[in-house]
Amino acid sequence: MSACTRLAVLVAVLGLARLGCCQAAAANAEQQHQQQQQVQQEEPDDAASRGAAAASAEQHWQQRQQQQQQQQQQRTMQRRKLLQPTTDLDSPDQADAATPLDPANPGSSSNAGSTLAGPVSTADADVVQTNTPEQADPLDLATPNSDDADLNDAINELLDSSSTIDPKPYGNRAPDASDLPSHQGRKRCGTPAGSSEQRAAAEQRFQARLQALQVQSSEAAEGGGAGGGDDGVEAAATGTVADIKVFFHILQYKQPVNRTQGVFRLLGYVSQNRIDRQMRLLNAAYGQQFSFSLRGVQWYTTSRGYLFTAGQSSATERQVKTSICARAGNGAASVLNLYTWQPGQDVLGWATMPDWFVDTPDRDGVVILHSVITGGGDPAYAQGDTLVHEVGHWLGLYHVFQGGCSKNAANGGDFVADTPAVASPNFKCVRVDSCPNLPGTDLVKNYMDYTDDRCVNSFTPGQKRRMVQQWRAYRAR
C-alpha cells in the first residue's frame, strides 16, 4: 500500500472516531437534560409532600398541647374544689374565722440561715453539706392569695413529690449550722388556749359530754351489755385505752445555692431513724394510757418557701393539711397526723384540741419544727419532748401555768386538780414556788410546762385521767 493510501485510511478512521465522540456527547447531554426535566417535575410534588407532613406534625403537636392543657385545667379545678376554703380569706396568713379559739400570733418569720444557738451535736443530723461559698437564696415567702392558681399548683406539685421511701439524700453528714433554724427566741408552744371564758365554756361542754357517756354506759350495763355504771369512763383511766395510728408528713424545701450550677440544699429533711426514735420516746411517755403505732411516713419536697414556712391558722396550713389527708384517707379524729416543716412564726410547734375537730377537722393534728424531732442537733430540744408536749394538747391538756396564781374553777386554769398553780411558764429546771400563797410548788419537770428536754419527764395522774376522758369524749371511734 502506498503512503498516500495509508494516509487516506488514517484520516477516515480519525474522522469516524471524532464523529462517534460527538454523537456520544450529544446523547449524554440529551440524557442529562431529560433527567433535569424529570427532577424539576418531581420537585414540586416532593415539596408539597414535605409541607403536608410538616403541617400534620404541627397539627398533632397542637392537639397534644391542647389535651395536656385541658387535663391540667381539669386537675386544677378538681383540686380547687377539694381545697376550697370554708371562709373568704384575703390572705393565707389571715386567721380563720372557723378556728374555735383565738390563736396567738407571735413573732415574725424566722431566718433559715441563722446560726444555731448553743453547741451543735452532729450525731444523726441529716443536713446537706453544700461546701460552696455562694450565699443560698432566701426563702421564697411570697404567699399567693388563697384562691390563687399558683397556690393550687404548688399543692399539686407537693403531692406529686411524695415518697414513702426515705430519700436519704445526704446520709448522716455533720450539719452546717446555717442549715438549721435558730431555736433562740422561739416559744416552746403556739397552741392557743383562748380566754378564761372560752376555756370555762369548753369545760362545761366537756363535762356535759362526760355525763352523757356515763348515762350511755349505765344503760348498756342495765341492758346486759358492756359497761360499769358511773365507773364506765373512770375505769378507762387505768390500763391502756387505745392504740393510736400515727402518720408522719415531712415537708422539705429545695433551696437554691447556685442556680446556674444546679446546686441546692434540702432543708427540713428528717430521717426514718429519727422518726423511729421519736416514736419510742412517745410510747415511753404515754405508755400506761396510750400506745402509738407508726402507720406511714411520707416525704414531700417543695420549691415554694411559703409552703415550707406556713404559719399557724393560715389558709396555707389548712390547704396543705386538707390535701394530704384527703389523698391519704387518714383524716379521722382518732388518727394522729404529724406535720414537720419550718413554721414562719416563732414557735416550735402547735396542736389542735380534741373538741375542735367537730368544727375544723381539716386543721386536726400537730405541726412541729423539723429540727426538734428526736436527734435534731440542739441539746435543749434533741430528745423530742416538744412532740410529747404537743400531743398532750392533742389529747386535751392545757399548760400547767394556765390561769396563773388565780387558778380556780371560775377562771378555768388547766382543770386538773393535782397540778399546783403556776404563775408563768418556767424555762429553768430549778425548784420554784411561783404562787407561794397556794399549795404546792411548780411542776418544772412536767411535760406541759416550758422547760426544755433535759428537764421534763412526767405527767400527773390527774393529767393522765383527763387525757383518757378527752379521748373518750371526742376522739374515740
Protein backbone atom coordinates (compact mmCIF):
# COMPACT_ATOMS: atom_id res chain seq x y z
CA MET A 1 0.00 0.00 0.00
CA SER A 2 1.35 3.31 -0.95
CA ALA A 3 1.93 6.09 1.53
CA CYS A 4 -0.90 8.12 0.11
CA THR A 5 -3.34 5.29 0.58
CA ARG A 6 -2.29 4.75 4.21
CA LEU A 7 -2.71 8.47 4.94
CA ALA A 8 -6.22 8.44 3.48
CA VAL A 9 -7.23 5.47 5.64
CA LEU A 10 -5.87 7.16 8.82
CA VAL A 11 -7.81 10.34 8.10
CA ALA A 12 -11.00 8.33 7.62
CA VAL A 13 -10.53 6.47 10.90
CA LEU A 14 -9.89 9.67 12.82
CA GLY A 15 -13.00 11.22 11.33
CA LEU A 16 -15.16 8.30 12.36
CA ALA A 17 -13.79 8.39 15.91
CA ARG A 18 -14.44 12.08 16.21
CA LEU A 19 -17.96 11.60 14.89
CA GLY A 20 -18.59 8.86 17.49
CA CYS A 21 -17.38 11.06 20.34
CA CYS A 22 -19.59 13.89 19.24
CA GLN A 23 -22.58 11.62 18.99
CA ALA A 24 -21.87 10.15 22.47
CA ALA A 25 -21.51 13.61 23.97
CA ALA A 26 -24.74 14.70 22.38
CA ALA A 27 -26.53 11.62 23.70
CA ASN A 28 -25.15 12.19 27.17
CA ALA A 29 -26.25 15.81 27.14
CA GLU A 30 -29.71 14.80 26.00
CA GLN A 31 -29.96 12.26 28.83
CA GLN A 32 -28.90 14.85 31.43
CA HIS A 33 -31.44 17.30 30.03
CA GLN A 34 -34.22 14.73 30.36
CA GLN A 35 -33.17 13.91 33.94
CA GLN A 36 -33.21 17.59 34.89
CA GLN A 37 -36.70 17.98 33.45
CA GLN A 38 -37.85 14.92 35.40
CA VAL A 39 -36.36 16.30 38.63
CA GLN A 40 -37.99 19.66 38.02
CA GLN A 41 -41.31 17.93 37.52
CA GLU A 42 -40.88 15.81 40.69
CA GLU A 43 -39.59 18.59 42.98
CA PRO A 44 -42.93 20.36 43.37
CA ASP A 45 -44.54 17.07 44.33
CA ASP A 46 -41.80 16.35 46.90
CA ALA A 47 -42.07 19.86 48.37
CA ALA A 48 -45.81 19.52 48.65
CA SER A 49 -45.39 16.17 50.36
CA ARG A 50 -42.88 17.56 52.83
CA GLY A 51 -45.13 20.54 53.54
CA ALA A 52 -48.10 18.30 54.19
CA ALA A 53 -46.07 16.13 56.56
CA ALA A 54 -44.87 19.19 58.47
CA ALA A 55 -48.40 20.56 58.72
CA SER A 56 -49.65 17.22 60.02
CA ALA A 57 -46.92 17.08 62.65
CA GLU A 58 -47.67 20.65 63.74
CA GLN A 59 -51.37 19.88 64.00
CA HIS A 60 -50.66 16.75 66.06
CA TRP A 61 -48.39 18.71 68.42
CA GLN A 62 -51.01 21.42 68.89
CA GLN A 63 -53.70 18.84 69.61
CA ARG A 64 -51.45 17.19 72.17
CA GLN A 65 -50.73 20.54 73.81
CA GLN A 66 -54.45 21.31 74.00
CA GLN A 67 -55.15 17.92 75.55
CA GLN A 68 -52.45 18.45 78.17
CA GLN A 69 -53.77 21.94 78.95
CA GLN A 70 -57.31 20.61 79.31
CA GLN A 71 -56.11 17.83 81.61
CA GLN A 72 -54.20 20.33 83.73
CA GLN A 73 -57.22 22.65 83.93
CA GLN A 74 -59.46 19.77 84.98
CA ARG A 75 -56.95 18.71 87.59
CA THR A 76 -56.65 22.26 88.93
CA MET A 77 -60.44 22.65 89.11
CA GLN A 78 -60.77 19.38 90.99
CA ARG A 79 -58.06 20.45 93.42
CA ARG A 80 -59.71 23.85 93.91
CA LYS A 81 -62.99 22.17 94.78
CA LEU A 82 -61.16 19.94 97.24
CA LEU A 83 -59.24 22.80 98.80
CA GLN A 84 -61.95 25.48 98.68
CA PRO A 85 -61.77 27.45 101.95
CA THR A 86 -64.86 27.49 104.13
CA THR A 87 -64.46 31.23 104.69
CA ASP A 88 -63.36 34.10 102.50
CA LEU A 89 -59.77 34.96 103.24
CA ASP A 90 -57.86 37.80 101.71
CA SER A 91 -54.57 36.14 102.50
CA PRO A 92 -53.39 32.68 103.55
CA ASP A 93 -51.86 34.27 106.63
CA GLN A 94 -55.14 35.73 107.85
CA ALA A 95 -56.65 33.86 110.81
CA ASP A 96 -59.58 31.59 110.05
CA ALA A 97 -62.98 32.60 111.34
CA ALA A 98 -63.73 28.92 111.89
CA THR A 99 -60.96 28.45 114.45
CA PRO A 100 -62.66 27.59 117.78
CA LEU A 101 -60.21 29.56 119.92
CA ASP A 102 -58.39 32.76 119.11
CA PRO A 103 -54.81 31.72 118.26
CA ALA A 104 -51.81 33.67 119.39
CA ASN A 105 -49.80 35.14 116.54
CA PRO A 106 -46.32 35.70 117.92
CA GLY A 107 -43.28 36.87 116.12
CA SER A 108 -42.28 37.16 112.51
CA SER A 109 -40.81 34.68 110.08
CA SER A 110 -37.56 33.07 111.09
CA ASN A 111 -34.36 33.21 109.13
CA ALA A 112 -33.48 29.82 107.72
CA GLY A 113 -29.85 30.83 107.56
CA SER A 114 -29.43 31.93 111.17
CA THR A 115 -26.77 30.28 113.29
CA LEU A 116 -27.85 27.66 115.77
CA ALA A 117 -27.62 28.94 119.33
CA GLY A 118 -25.59 26.78 121.71
CA PRO A 119 -23.43 23.75 120.95
CA VAL A 120 -24.31 21.68 117.93
CA SER A 121 -24.47 17.89 118.15
CA THR A 122 -23.57 16.22 114.87
CA ALA A 123 -24.99 12.84 115.84
CA ASP A 124 -27.65 11.58 113.45
CA ALA A 125 -28.30 15.01 111.96
CA ASP A 126 -29.44 14.96 108.35
CA VAL A 127 -28.46 18.14 106.55
CA VAL A 128 -26.74 18.67 103.22
CA GLN A 129 -23.15 19.87 103.12
CA THR A 130 -23.01 22.24 100.18
CA ASN A 131 -19.32 23.15 100.65
CA THR A 132 -19.85 26.15 98.39
CA PRO A 133 -19.04 29.79 99.14
CA GLU A 134 -22.22 31.04 97.47
CA GLN A 135 -24.95 32.55 99.60
CA ALA A 136 -28.14 30.49 99.41
CA ASP A 137 -31.21 32.22 98.08
CA PRO A 138 -33.54 33.46 100.83
CA LEU A 139 -36.73 31.54 101.45
CA ASP A 140 -39.42 32.39 98.92
CA LEU A 141 -42.05 33.72 101.31
CA ALA A 142 -44.25 35.50 98.77
CA THR A 143 -47.55 33.80 99.55
CA PRO A 144 -50.30 33.96 96.91
CA ASN A 145 -53.91 34.60 97.79
CA SER A 146 -55.91 31.61 98.96
CA ASP A 147 -57.77 31.42 95.63
CA ASP A 148 -54.63 31.93 93.53
CA ALA A 149 -53.99 29.18 90.97
CA ASP A 150 -50.32 29.29 91.93
CA LEU A 151 -51.16 28.04 95.42
CA ASN A 152 -53.14 25.15 93.96
CA ASP A 153 -50.30 24.36 91.57
CA ALA A 154 -47.89 24.39 94.50
CA ILE A 155 -50.11 21.96 96.40
CA ASN A 156 -50.31 19.68 93.34
CA GLU A 157 -46.53 19.71 92.96
CA LEU A 158 -46.18 18.93 96.66
CA LEU A 159 -48.46 15.92 96.40
CA ASP A 160 -46.74 14.68 93.24
CA SER A 161 -43.38 14.76 95.02
CA SER A 162 -44.50 12.41 97.81
CA SER A 163 -42.50 9.29 98.56
CA THR A 164 -42.87 6.58 101.19
CA ILE A 165 -39.18 5.69 100.94
CA ASP A 166 -36.61 7.59 103.00
CA PRO A 167 -34.74 9.56 100.30
CA LYS A 168 -31.52 9.64 102.36
CA PRO A 169 -30.14 12.39 100.13
CA TYR A 170 -27.14 13.17 102.30
CA GLY A 171 -26.76 10.23 104.65
CA ASN A 172 -25.82 11.26 108.19
CA ARG A 173 -23.34 14.01 107.45
CA ALA A 174 -22.49 16.59 110.06
CA PRO A 175 -24.78 19.62 109.78
CA ASP A 176 -23.80 23.06 108.69
CA ALA A 177 -25.13 25.39 111.38
CA SER A 178 -26.56 27.72 108.72
CA ASP A 179 -28.81 24.90 107.54
CA LEU A 180 -30.58 24.71 110.91
CA PRO A 181 -33.18 27.20 112.10
CA SER A 182 -32.43 29.13 115.25
CA HIS A 183 -34.37 27.96 118.31
CA GLN A 184 -33.44 31.06 120.27
CA GLY A 185 -36.45 33.31 120.72
CA ARG A 186 -38.93 30.65 119.67
CA LYS A 187 -41.77 29.82 122.05
CA ARG A 188 -41.98 26.22 123.16
CA CYS A 189 -45.59 26.05 122.04
CA GLY A 190 -48.04 28.01 119.92
CA THR A 191 -51.21 26.08 120.79
CA PRO A 192 -53.87 28.70 121.62
CA ALA A 193 -55.72 28.25 124.90
CA GLY A 194 -58.28 31.01 124.46
CA SER A 195 -59.60 33.31 127.16
CA SER A 196 -60.68 32.11 130.58
CA GLU A 197 -64.30 32.47 129.46
CA GLN A 198 -63.68 30.33 126.39
CA ARG A 199 -61.95 27.67 128.46
CA ALA A 200 -64.77 27.67 131.01
CA ALA A 201 -67.38 27.28 128.26
CA ALA A 202 -65.38 24.46 126.66
CA GLU A 203 -65.12 22.74 130.03
CA GLN A 204 -68.88 22.91 130.54
CA ARG A 205 -69.43 21.23 127.18
CA PHE A 206 -66.83 18.62 128.06
CA GLN A 207 -68.43 17.79 131.42
CA ALA A 208 -71.85 17.52 129.76
CA ARG A 209 -70.35 15.15 127.21
CA LEU A 210 -68.86 13.01 130.01
CA GLN A 211 -72.22 12.81 131.77
CA ALA A 212 -73.86 11.68 128.53
CA LEU A 213 -71.24 8.97 128.12
CA GLN A 214 -71.80 7.80 131.69
CA VAL A 215 -75.54 7.57 131.06
CA GLN A 216 -74.92 5.54 127.93
CA SER A 217 -72.55 3.27 129.86
CA SER A 218 -75.12 2.76 132.64
CA GLU A 219 -77.89 1.95 130.16
CA ALA A 220 -75.63 -0.54 128.40
CA ALA A 221 -74.85 -2.21 131.73
CA GLU A 222 -78.53 -2.44 132.66
CA GLY A 223 -79.28 -3.97 129.29
CA GLY A 224 -76.69 -6.67 129.79
CA GLY A 225 -74.02 -5.03 127.61
CA ALA A 226 -70.52 -3.94 128.50
CA GLY A 227 -70.16 -1.07 130.89
CA GLY A 228 -69.85 -0.26 134.51
CA GLY A 229 -72.32 2.40 135.51
CA ASP A 230 -70.63 5.57 136.71
CA ASP A 231 -67.30 3.80 136.56
CA GLY A 232 -67.52 3.23 132.79
CA VAL A 233 -65.48 6.33 131.92
CA GLU A 234 -63.43 6.46 135.10
CA ALA A 235 -62.20 2.88 134.75
CA ALA A 236 -60.60 3.82 131.45
CA ALA A 237 -58.01 5.86 133.33
CA THR A 238 -56.26 2.65 134.33
CA GLY A 239 -54.57 0.49 131.72
CA THR A 240 -54.08 1.13 128.01
CA VAL A 241 -57.07 2.87 126.45
CA ALA A 242 -56.24 2.92 122.75
CA ASP A 243 -53.59 2.24 120.16
CA ILE A 244 -53.34 5.46 118.18
CA LYS A 245 -52.44 5.35 114.49
CA VAL A 246 -49.67 7.83 113.63
CA PHE A 247 -48.78 9.26 110.22
CA PHE A 248 -45.72 11.47 109.68
CA HIS A 249 -45.73 14.04 106.87
CA ILE A 250 -42.24 15.52 106.28
CA LEU A 251 -42.16 18.73 104.21
CA GLN A 252 -38.75 19.59 102.75
CA TYR A 253 -37.63 22.76 100.98
CA LYS A 254 -35.31 22.63 97.98
CA GLN A 255 -33.39 25.87 98.47
CA PRO A 256 -31.13 27.02 95.60
CA VAL A 257 -27.50 27.75 96.45
CA ASN A 258 -26.16 28.21 92.92
CA ARG A 259 -28.87 28.25 90.28
CA THR A 260 -26.50 28.26 87.31
CA GLN A 261 -24.72 25.13 88.52
CA GLY A 262 -27.87 23.47 89.87
CA VAL A 263 -26.57 23.39 93.44
CA PHE A 264 -29.14 23.37 96.24
CA ARG A 265 -29.59 22.28 99.83
CA LEU A 266 -32.54 20.37 101.22
CA LEU A 267 -33.94 21.99 104.36
CA GLY A 268 -36.26 20.11 106.68
CA TYR A 269 -35.18 16.54 105.89
CA VAL A 270 -35.94 14.10 108.75
CA SER A 271 -34.62 10.55 108.51
CA GLN A 272 -36.55 7.36 109.19
CA ASN A 273 -34.10 6.68 112.02
CA ARG A 274 -35.06 9.89 113.82
CA ILE A 275 -38.76 9.17 113.34
CA ASP A 276 -38.35 5.70 114.84
CA ARG A 277 -36.53 7.16 117.85
CA GLN A 278 -39.27 9.77 118.26
CA MET A 279 -41.92 7.04 118.27
CA ARG A 280 -40.08 5.15 121.01
CA LEU A 281 -39.99 8.30 123.13
CA LEU A 282 -43.69 8.95 122.53
CA ASN A 283 -44.63 5.45 123.64
CA ALA A 284 -42.41 5.72 126.72
CA ALA A 285 -44.10 8.98 127.78
CA TYR A 286 -47.69 7.75 127.28
CA GLY A 287 -47.22 4.00 127.67
CA GLN A 288 -49.64 3.37 130.54
CA GLN A 289 -52.64 5.01 128.89
CA PHE A 290 -51.94 5.16 125.14
CA SER A 291 -49.76 3.34 122.66
CA PHE A 292 -48.75 4.84 119.32
CA SER A 293 -48.25 2.81 116.14
CA LEU A 294 -46.44 4.32 113.16
CA ARG A 295 -48.62 3.56 110.14
CA GLY A 296 -46.91 5.64 107.50
CA VAL A 297 -44.26 8.23 106.62
CA GLN A 298 -44.42 10.49 103.58
CA TRP A 299 -41.63 12.80 102.43
CA TYR A 300 -42.67 15.81 100.34
CA THR A 301 -40.38 18.28 98.56
CA THR A 302 -41.31 21.82 97.51
CA SER A 303 -39.53 24.73 95.88
CA ARG A 304 -42.11 27.15 97.31
CA GLY A 305 -40.87 28.73 100.51
CA TYR A 306 -44.33 29.78 101.66
CA LEU A 307 -45.38 26.13 101.94
CA PHE A 308 -42.30 25.25 104.00
CA THR A 309 -42.93 28.18 106.37
CA ALA A 310 -46.74 28.01 106.58
CA GLY A 311 -47.97 29.82 109.66
CA GLN A 312 -50.45 28.75 112.29
CA SER A 313 -54.14 29.18 111.38
CA SER A 314 -53.22 30.25 107.85
CA ALA A 315 -55.04 29.16 104.72
CA THR A 316 -51.78 27.62 103.51
CA GLU A 317 -51.59 25.40 106.59
CA ARG A 318 -55.19 24.32 106.11
CA GLN A 319 -54.78 23.53 102.42
CA VAL A 320 -51.59 21.55 102.99
CA LYS A 321 -53.29 19.50 105.71
CA THR A 322 -56.54 19.07 103.78
CA SER A 323 -54.88 17.91 100.57
CA ILE A 324 -52.51 15.49 102.32
CA CYS A 325 -55.23 13.92 104.46
CA ALA A 326 -57.63 13.70 101.51
CA ARG A 327 -55.10 11.76 99.47
CA ALA A 328 -54.03 9.52 102.35
CA GLY A 329 -57.57 8.95 103.64
CA ASN A 330 -56.47 9.29 107.26
CA GLY A 331 -58.47 12.28 108.48
CA ALA A 332 -60.37 10.61 111.33
CA ALA A 333 -60.44 12.19 114.80
CA SER A 334 -58.74 9.11 116.23
CA VAL A 335 -55.75 9.35 113.85
CA LEU A 336 -52.71 11.44 114.79
CA ASN A 337 -51.28 13.30 111.79
CA LEU A 338 -47.87 14.84 112.47
CA TYR A 339 -46.50 17.50 110.12
CA THR A 340 -42.93 18.79 110.15
CA TRP A 341 -41.78 21.94 108.39
CA GLN A 342 -40.30 25.29 109.47
CA PRO A 343 -43.16 27.46 110.80
CA GLY A 344 -42.82 31.11 109.92
CA GLN A 345 -44.00 32.10 113.38
CA ASP A 346 -41.55 31.98 116.28
CA VAL A 347 -42.81 28.73 117.78
CA LEU A 348 -41.53 25.16 117.96
CA GLY A 349 -44.95 23.70 117.24
CA TRP A 350 -48.69 23.69 117.84
CA ALA A 351 -51.58 21.25 118.09
CA THR A 352 -55.36 21.14 117.86
CA MET A 353 -57.51 20.36 120.90
CA PRO A 354 -59.91 17.37 120.76
CA ASP A 355 -63.14 19.41 120.87
CA TRP A 356 -62.06 21.48 117.85
CA PHE A 357 -62.36 18.54 115.50
CA VAL A 358 -66.12 18.81 115.03
CA ASP A 359 -65.77 22.37 113.65
CA THR A 360 -62.36 22.23 111.93
CA PRO A 361 -61.45 18.65 111.01
CA ASP A 362 -59.17 19.94 108.25
CA ARG A 363 -56.90 21.53 110.89
CA ASP A 364 -56.54 18.49 113.13
CA GLY A 365 -53.11 17.21 114.10
CA VAL A 366 -49.73 18.52 115.22
CA VAL A 367 -47.31 20.79 113.37
CA ILE A 368 -43.75 20.80 114.65
CA LEU A 369 -40.42 22.35 113.68
CA HIS A 370 -38.40 19.67 111.89
CA SER A 371 -35.26 20.27 113.95
CA VAL A 372 -36.93 19.39 117.28
CA ILE A 373 -37.80 15.84 116.26
CA THR A 374 -35.62 13.41 118.24
CA GLY A 375 -31.97 13.73 117.19
CA GLY A 376 -32.30 17.22 115.76
CA GLY A 377 -28.98 18.61 116.99
CA ASP A 378 -29.75 21.22 119.69
CA PRO A 379 -29.26 19.55 123.11
CA ALA A 380 -32.11 21.58 124.58
CA TYR A 381 -34.60 20.01 122.17
CA ALA A 382 -32.82 16.95 120.76
CA GLN A 383 -34.67 14.38 122.86
CA GLY A 384 -38.02 15.03 121.16
CA ASP A 385 -40.16 16.15 124.11
CA THR A 386 -41.64 19.04 122.13
CA LEU A 387 -43.77 16.47 120.34
CA VAL A 388 -44.74 14.85 123.66
CA HIS A 389 -45.90 18.30 124.81
CA GLU A 390 -47.96 18.95 121.66
CA VAL A 391 -49.56 15.50 121.72
CA GLY A 392 -50.62 16.34 125.28
CA HIS A 393 -52.63 19.24 123.81
CA TRP A 394 -53.99 16.96 121.08
CA LEU A 395 -55.28 14.72 123.89
CA GLY A 396 -56.90 17.61 125.77
CA LEU A 397 -54.33 19.05 128.22
CA TYR A 398 -53.72 22.73 128.88
CA HIS A 399 -50.43 24.18 130.14
CA VAL A 400 -49.81 23.78 133.87
CA PHE A 401 -49.43 27.57 134.14
CA GLN A 402 -52.88 28.20 132.62
CA GLY A 403 -54.72 30.69 134.81
CA GLY A 404 -51.60 31.71 136.75
CA CYS A 405 -51.83 32.14 140.51
CA SER A 406 -55.55 32.91 140.27
CA LYS A 407 -56.26 29.38 139.10
CA ASN A 408 -59.74 28.37 140.27
CA ALA A 409 -63.00 26.99 138.94
CA ALA A 410 -64.12 30.44 137.80
CA ASN A 411 -61.17 31.27 135.57
CA GLY A 412 -60.50 27.71 134.45
CA GLY A 413 -56.82 27.05 134.91
CA ASP A 414 -55.86 23.68 133.42
CA PHE A 415 -58.82 21.85 135.05
CA VAL A 416 -56.51 19.27 136.66
CA ALA A 417 -56.70 19.02 140.46
CA ASP A 418 -53.20 17.69 141.14
CA THR A 419 -51.24 20.32 139.18
CA PRO A 420 -50.39 23.24 141.53
CA ALA A 421 -50.94 26.79 140.34
CA VAL A 422 -48.01 28.25 138.38
CA ALA A 423 -47.61 31.97 137.82
CA SER A 424 -46.00 31.79 134.37
CA PRO A 425 -44.02 29.42 132.14
CA ASN A 426 -40.81 28.01 133.59
CA PHE A 427 -37.67 27.83 131.47
CA LYS A 428 -35.12 26.67 134.06
CA CYS A 429 -35.01 23.28 135.73
CA VAL A 430 -34.80 24.60 139.30
CA ARG A 431 -37.18 24.28 142.25
CA VAL A 432 -39.50 27.27 142.43
CA ASP A 433 -42.77 28.21 144.11
CA SER A 434 -44.17 30.96 141.91
CA CYS A 435 -47.51 31.02 143.80
CA PRO A 436 -46.39 30.90 147.46
CA ASN A 437 -49.88 31.60 148.81
CA LEU A 438 -51.27 28.46 147.15
CA PRO A 439 -50.48 24.79 147.86
CA GLY A 440 -47.65 23.02 146.09
CA THR A 441 -44.60 24.07 144.10
CA ASP A 442 -44.16 24.47 140.36
CA LEU A 443 -44.00 21.22 138.38
CA VAL A 444 -40.95 22.25 136.37
CA LYS A 445 -40.43 18.66 135.18
CA ASN A 446 -43.95 18.32 133.83
CA TYR A 447 -44.30 17.83 130.08
CA MET A 448 -46.87 20.64 129.93
CA ASP A 449 -44.52 23.37 131.19
CA TYR A 450 -41.90 25.17 129.03
CA THR A 451 -38.67 23.74 130.46
CA ASP A 452 -36.53 22.02 127.85
CA ASP A 453 -35.98 18.35 127.03
CA ARG A 454 -33.20 17.95 129.58
CA CYS A 455 -35.72 18.59 132.37
CA VAL A 456 -39.24 17.38 131.55
CA ASN A 457 -40.14 13.75 132.26
CA SER A 458 -43.69 13.24 133.60
CA PHE A 459 -47.46 13.71 133.63
CA THR A 460 -49.50 13.72 136.84
CA PRO A 461 -52.21 11.08 137.48
CA GLY A 462 -54.81 13.82 137.06
CA GLN A 463 -53.43 14.76 133.65
CA LYS A 464 -53.48 11.12 132.55
CA ARG A 465 -57.08 10.80 133.70
CA ARG A 466 -58.09 13.94 131.80
CA MET A 467 -56.45 12.74 128.57
CA VAL A 468 -58.36 9.46 128.79
CA GLN A 469 -61.64 11.31 129.35
CA GLN A 470 -60.98 13.70 126.47
CA TRP A 471 -60.18 10.74 124.23
CA ARG A 472 -63.43 9.03 125.16
CA ALA A 473 -65.44 12.22 124.70
CA TYR A 474 -64.06 13.48 121.38
CA ARG A 475 -61.65 11.13 119.61
CA ALA A 476 -62.63 7.51 120.26
CA ARG A 477 -64.37 5.94 117.26
